[in-house]
Amino acid sequence: MKLILAIVNNDDSNVVISALTNRGFEVTRLSTTGGFLNVGNTTLLIGTDEDRIDDAIELLKIFSSTRRSVKSSRESFGRGLRNDSVAEEVTVGGATYFILNVEEHGRI
């Protein structure tokens, strides 16, 4: 058994969750905030058998899009916190994932 922790942009979360559940994955959604841009993310907990990991990752690739966005640098943690900070273009979206071994799991 494996646990996939996937961090996706809030804008992509509903379509990612729908795609995963339509393929039979059970998903738990956590609302989280990223530390770099201080914007909302969704962290997904996906428990799966080892032989289905590639399917889950493929769905993340398909439904987690990256895009360019203009953010003022004051929205970035630890950078230019003044009101007159210069805006910059950054890449947002996509997914970051971690695959963890599960020693034991159960339902109560």
N, C-alpha and C. Protein backbone atom coordinates (compact mmCIF):
# COMPACT_ATOMS: atom_id res chain seq x y z
N MET A 1 0.85 -1.18 0.00
CA MET A 1 0.00 0.00 0.00
C MET A 1 0.88 1.23 0.00
N LYS A 2 0.48 2.24 -0.77
CA LYS A 2 1.21 3.49 -0.87
C LYS A 2 0.27 4.65 -0.58
N LEU A 3 0.85 5.76 -0.13
CA LEU A 3 0.11 7.00 0.06
C LEU A 3 0.76 8.05 -0.82
N ILE A 4 -0.03 8.63 -1.71
CA ILE A 4 0.45 9.72 -2.55
C ILE A 4 -0.04 11.02 -1.94
N LEU A 5 0.89 11.91 -1.60
CA LEU A 5 0.56 13.26 -1.17
C LEU A 5 0.76 14.13 -2.41
N ALA A 6 -0.30 14.72 -2.89
CA ALA A 6 -0.22 15.55 -4.09
C ALA A 6 -0.69 16.96 -3.76
N ILE A 7 0.13 17.95 -4.08
CA ILE A 7 -0.20 19.35 -3.84
C ILE A 7 -0.52 19.96 -5.20
N VAL A 8 -1.77 20.41 -5.35
CA VAL A 8 -2.22 20.99 -6.62
C VAL A 8 -2.79 22.38 -6.37
N ASN A 9 -2.83 23.18 -7.41
CA ASN A 9 -3.40 24.52 -7.33
C ASN A 9 -4.90 24.41 -7.08
N ASN A 10 -5.44 25.34 -6.29
CA ASN A 10 -6.88 25.33 -6.03
C ASN A 10 -7.71 25.34 -7.31
N ASP A 11 -7.22 26.05 -8.34
CA ASP A 11 -7.97 26.13 -9.59
C ASP A 11 -8.11 24.78 -10.29
N ASP A 12 -7.18 23.87 -10.02
CA ASP A 12 -7.20 22.55 -10.65
C ASP A 12 -7.80 21.46 -9.77
N SER A 13 -8.01 21.74 -8.51
CA SER A 13 -8.33 20.68 -7.55
C SER A 13 -9.62 19.92 -7.87
N ASN A 14 -10.68 20.63 -8.25
CA ASN A 14 -11.94 19.93 -8.50
C ASN A 14 -11.85 18.96 -9.67
N VAL A 15 -11.20 19.38 -10.75
CA VAL A 15 -11.10 18.50 -11.91
C VAL A 15 -10.15 17.33 -11.63
N VAL A 16 -9.10 17.57 -10.86
CA VAL A 16 -8.17 16.48 -10.50
C VAL A 16 -8.89 15.46 -9.63
N ILE A 17 -9.62 15.93 -8.64
CA ILE A 17 -10.34 15.02 -7.74
C ILE A 17 -11.39 14.23 -8.52
N SER A 18 -12.11 14.89 -9.42
CA SER A 18 -13.12 14.18 -10.23
C SER A 18 -12.48 13.10 -11.08
N ALA A 19 -11.35 13.42 -11.71
CA ALA A 19 -10.67 12.43 -12.55
C ALA A 19 -10.20 11.24 -11.72
N LEU A 20 -9.65 11.51 -10.55
CA LEU A 20 -9.17 10.43 -9.69
C LEU A 20 -10.32 9.55 -9.19
N THR A 21 -11.38 10.17 -8.72
CA THR A 21 -12.50 9.37 -8.18
C THR A 21 -13.21 8.61 -9.29
N ASN A 22 -13.28 9.18 -10.49
CA ASN A 22 -13.90 8.47 -11.62
C ASN A 22 -13.11 7.23 -12.00
N ARG A 23 -11.81 7.22 -11.69
CA ARG A 23 -10.97 6.05 -11.96
C ARG A 23 -10.86 5.13 -10.75
N GLY A 24 -11.66 5.38 -9.71
CA GLY A 24 -11.72 4.46 -8.58
C GLY A 24 -10.76 4.76 -7.44
N PHE A 25 -10.07 5.90 -7.48
CA PHE A 25 -9.19 6.27 -6.38
C PHE A 25 -10.01 6.95 -5.29
N GLU A 26 -9.65 6.68 -4.05
CA GLU A 26 -10.26 7.37 -2.93
C GLU A 26 -9.34 8.51 -2.55
N VAL A 27 -9.91 9.71 -2.42
CA VAL A 27 -9.12 10.92 -2.23
C VAL A 27 -9.64 11.71 -1.05
N THR A 28 -8.73 12.20 -0.22
CA THR A 28 -9.07 13.12 0.84
C THR A 28 -8.45 14.47 0.51
N ARG A 29 -9.24 15.53 0.61
CA ARG A 29 -8.81 16.88 0.26
C ARG A 29 -8.49 17.68 1.53
N LEU A 30 -7.33 18.34 1.52
CA LEU A 30 -6.95 19.25 2.60
C LEU A 30 -6.68 20.62 2.00
N SER A 31 -7.22 21.67 2.60
CA SER A 31 -6.92 23.02 2.14
C SER A 31 -5.60 23.44 2.76
N THR A 32 -4.66 23.88 1.92
CA THR A 32 -3.34 24.28 2.40
C THR A 32 -2.93 25.58 1.71
N THR A 33 -1.89 26.20 2.25
CA THR A 33 -1.36 27.44 1.68
C THR A 33 0.12 27.25 1.41
N GLY A 34 0.54 27.62 0.20
CA GLY A 34 1.95 27.50 -0.16
C GLY A 34 2.78 28.58 0.52
N GLY A 35 4.02 28.26 0.80
CA GLY A 35 4.90 29.20 1.48
C GLY A 35 5.58 30.19 0.58
N PHE A 36 5.69 29.91 -0.72
CA PHE A 36 6.41 30.81 -1.61
C PHE A 36 5.55 31.98 -2.04
N LEU A 37 4.39 31.71 -2.61
CA LEU A 37 3.51 32.78 -3.07
C LEU A 37 2.36 33.07 -2.10
N ASN A 38 2.28 32.29 -1.03
CA ASN A 38 1.20 32.44 -0.05
C ASN A 38 -0.18 32.38 -0.70
N VAL A 39 -0.35 31.47 -1.62
CA VAL A 39 -1.64 31.29 -2.28
C VAL A 39 -2.21 29.92 -1.90
N GLY A 40 -3.53 29.79 -2.08
CA GLY A 40 -4.19 28.55 -1.70
C GLY A 40 -3.84 27.39 -2.60
N ASN A 41 -3.62 26.27 -1.97
CA ASN A 41 -3.38 25.01 -2.66
C ASN A 41 -4.34 23.99 -2.09
N THR A 42 -4.38 22.85 -2.71
CA THR A 42 -5.11 21.72 -2.18
C THR A 42 -4.14 20.55 -2.09
N THR A 43 -4.05 19.96 -0.92
CA THR A 43 -3.23 18.77 -0.74
C THR A 43 -4.15 17.56 -0.76
N LEU A 44 -3.84 16.62 -1.63
CA LEU A 44 -4.65 15.42 -1.77
C LEU A 44 -3.93 14.24 -1.14
N LEU A 45 -4.66 13.46 -0.37
CA LEU A 45 -4.16 12.21 0.18
C LEU A 45 -4.81 11.09 -0.62
N ILE A 46 -3.99 10.32 -1.31
CA ILE A 46 -4.50 9.28 -2.19
C ILE A 46 -3.87 7.95 -1.76
N GLY A 47 -4.67 7.09 -1.18
CA GLY A 47 -4.19 5.77 -0.81
C GLY A 47 -4.42 4.82 -1.97
N THR A 48 -3.39 4.05 -2.33
CA THR A 48 -3.53 3.16 -3.48
C THR A 48 -2.58 1.98 -3.40
N ASP A 49 -2.88 0.97 -4.16
CA ASP A 49 -1.95 -0.15 -4.31
C ASP A 49 -0.78 0.29 -5.18
N GLU A 50 0.34 -0.35 -5.00
CA GLU A 50 1.55 0.03 -5.72
C GLU A 50 1.38 -0.05 -7.24
N ASP A 51 0.60 -1.01 -7.71
CA ASP A 51 0.44 -1.17 -9.16
C ASP A 51 -0.45 -0.10 -9.80
N ARG A 52 -1.06 0.79 -9.00
CA ARG A 52 -1.91 1.85 -9.55
C ARG A 52 -1.27 3.23 -9.43
N ILE A 53 -0.04 3.30 -8.93
CA ILE A 53 0.63 4.59 -8.75
C ILE A 53 0.78 5.32 -10.08
N ASP A 54 1.22 4.62 -11.11
CA ASP A 54 1.43 5.26 -12.41
C ASP A 54 0.13 5.86 -12.96
N ASP A 55 -1.00 5.19 -12.75
CA ASP A 55 -2.29 5.72 -13.19
C ASP A 55 -2.62 7.03 -12.48
N ALA A 56 -2.40 7.08 -11.18
CA ALA A 56 -2.69 8.29 -10.41
C ALA A 56 -1.79 9.44 -10.85
N ILE A 57 -0.51 9.17 -11.03
CA ILE A 57 0.44 10.21 -11.43
C ILE A 57 0.09 10.72 -12.83
N GLU A 58 -0.32 9.83 -13.72
CA GLU A 58 -0.70 10.25 -15.07
C GLU A 58 -1.90 11.20 -15.02
N LEU A 59 -2.88 10.91 -14.16
CA LEU A 59 -4.03 11.80 -14.02
C LEU A 59 -3.60 13.16 -13.47
N LEU A 60 -2.67 13.17 -12.53
CA LEU A 60 -2.15 14.45 -12.02
C LEU A 60 -1.50 15.24 -13.15
N LYS A 61 -0.73 14.58 -14.00
CA LYS A 61 -0.07 15.26 -15.12
C LYS A 61 -1.08 15.84 -16.10
N ILE A 62 -2.12 15.10 -16.38
CA ILE A 62 -3.11 15.53 -17.36
C ILE A 62 -3.94 16.70 -16.85
N PHE A 63 -4.36 16.64 -15.59
CA PHE A 63 -5.34 17.59 -15.08
C PHE A 63 -4.79 18.69 -14.18
N SER A 64 -3.48 18.74 -13.97
CA SER A 64 -2.86 19.82 -13.19
C SER A 64 -2.04 20.68 -14.14
N SER A 65 -2.63 21.73 -14.62
CA SER A 65 -1.95 22.54 -15.63
C SER A 65 -1.11 23.64 -15.00
N THR A 66 -0.03 23.99 -15.67
CA THR A 66 0.77 25.13 -15.26
C THR A 66 0.39 26.32 -16.11
N ARG A 67 0.50 27.50 -15.54
CA ARG A 67 0.20 28.73 -16.26
C ARG A 67 1.03 29.86 -15.68
N ARG A 68 1.15 30.92 -16.44
CA ARG A 68 1.90 32.09 -16.01
C ARG A 68 0.93 33.07 -15.35
N SER A 69 1.37 33.70 -14.27
CA SER A 69 0.55 34.66 -13.55
C SER A 69 1.43 35.81 -13.09
N VAL A 70 0.87 36.99 -13.06
CA VAL A 70 1.62 38.15 -12.57
C VAL A 70 1.27 38.36 -11.11
N LYS A 71 2.29 38.35 -10.28
CA LYS A 71 2.12 38.54 -8.83
C LYS A 71 3.06 39.65 -8.39
N SER A 72 2.60 40.47 -7.48
CA SER A 72 3.52 41.45 -6.92
C SER A 72 4.49 40.72 -6.02
N SER A 73 5.71 41.17 -5.99
CA SER A 73 6.72 40.45 -5.22
C SER A 73 6.43 40.48 -3.73
N ARG A 74 5.56 41.38 -3.28
CA ARG A 74 5.21 41.40 -1.86
C ARG A 74 4.36 40.20 -1.47
N GLU A 75 3.82 39.49 -2.48
CA GLU A 75 3.05 38.28 -2.19
C GLU A 75 3.95 37.08 -1.96
N SER A 76 5.24 37.26 -2.21
CA SER A 76 6.18 36.17 -2.00
C SER A 76 6.76 36.25 -0.61
N PHE A 77 6.84 35.12 0.04
CA PHE A 77 7.33 35.07 1.42
C PHE A 77 8.76 35.59 1.51
N GLY A 78 8.97 36.57 2.39
CA GLY A 78 10.31 37.06 2.67
C GLY A 78 10.91 37.93 1.59
N ARG A 79 10.11 38.40 0.65
CA ARG A 79 10.66 39.22 -0.43
C ARG A 79 9.87 40.50 -0.54
N GLY A 80 10.54 41.64 -0.60
CA GLY A 80 9.93 42.94 -0.91
C GLY A 80 8.56 43.17 -0.35
N LEU A 81 8.43 43.31 0.94
CA LEU A 81 7.12 43.42 1.56
C LEU A 81 6.57 44.85 1.55
N ARG A 82 7.11 45.73 0.72
CA ARG A 82 6.62 47.10 0.63
C ARG A 82 5.47 47.17 -0.37
N ASN A 83 4.65 48.21 -0.24
CA ASN A 83 3.51 48.38 -1.15
C ASN A 83 3.93 48.70 -2.58
N ASP A 84 5.12 49.28 -2.77
CA ASP A 84 5.55 49.66 -4.10
C ASP A 84 6.42 48.59 -4.76
N SER A 85 6.32 47.35 -4.30
CA SER A 85 7.11 46.26 -4.87
C SER A 85 6.78 46.05 -6.34
N VAL A 86 7.75 45.62 -7.09
CA VAL A 86 7.59 45.39 -8.53
C VAL A 86 6.89 44.06 -8.77
N ALA A 87 5.95 44.06 -9.71
CA ALA A 87 5.26 42.82 -10.08
C ALA A 87 6.19 41.96 -10.92
N GLU A 88 6.00 40.66 -10.82
CA GLU A 88 6.81 39.74 -11.61
C GLU A 88 5.93 38.60 -12.10
N GLU A 89 6.32 38.00 -13.20
CA GLU A 89 5.59 36.87 -13.76
C GLU A 89 6.14 35.58 -13.18
N VAL A 90 5.24 34.73 -12.69
CA VAL A 90 5.64 33.46 -12.09
C VAL A 90 4.81 32.33 -12.70
N THR A 91 5.34 31.14 -12.61
CA THR A 91 4.60 29.95 -13.04
C THR A 91 3.83 29.41 -11.84
N VAL A 92 2.54 29.19 -12.01
CA VAL A 92 1.71 28.61 -10.95
C VAL A 92 1.04 27.37 -11.49
N GLY A 93 0.50 26.58 -10.61
CA GLY A 93 -0.21 25.37 -11.01
C GLY A 93 0.71 24.17 -11.08
N GLY A 94 0.28 23.17 -11.81
CA GLY A 94 1.03 21.93 -11.84
C GLY A 94 0.77 21.15 -10.56
N ALA A 95 1.57 20.18 -10.31
CA ALA A 95 1.41 19.37 -9.10
C ALA A 95 2.79 18.97 -8.58
N THR A 96 2.86 18.89 -7.27
CA THR A 96 4.02 18.32 -6.60
C THR A 96 3.51 17.10 -5.85
N TYR A 97 4.20 15.97 -5.98
CA TYR A 97 3.71 14.78 -5.30
C TYR A 97 4.84 14.03 -4.61
N PHE A 98 4.44 13.32 -3.57
CA PHE A 98 5.33 12.47 -2.80
C PHE A 98 4.66 11.12 -2.67
N ILE A 99 5.44 10.05 -2.78
CA ILE A 99 4.91 8.70 -2.63
C ILE A 99 5.52 8.10 -1.38
N LEU A 100 4.67 7.71 -0.45
CA LEU A 100 5.10 7.19 0.84
C LEU A 100 4.67 5.74 1.01
N ASN A 101 5.50 4.98 1.68
CA ASN A 101 5.12 3.61 2.04
C ASN A 101 4.16 3.65 3.21
N VAL A 102 3.18 2.77 3.20
CA VAL A 102 2.20 2.67 4.28
C VAL A 102 2.45 1.33 4.97
N GLU A 103 2.81 1.39 6.23
CA GLU A 103 3.05 0.17 7.00
C GLU A 103 1.73 -0.57 7.29
N GLU A 104 0.71 0.20 7.61
CA GLU A 104 -0.57 -0.40 8.00
C GLU A 104 -1.67 0.59 7.73
N HIS A 105 -2.84 0.11 7.37
CA HIS A 105 -4.00 0.96 7.21
C HIS A 105 -5.24 0.17 7.58
N GLY A 106 -6.29 0.90 7.90
CA GLY A 106 -7.54 0.24 8.26
C GLY A 106 -8.67 1.25 8.30
N ARG A 107 -9.87 0.76 8.47
CA ARG A 107 -11.07 1.60 8.60
C ARG A 107 -11.75 1.24 9.90
N ILE A 108 -12.21 2.25 10.55
CA ILE A 108 -12.91 2.04 11.83
C ILE A 108 -14.31 2.60 11.74
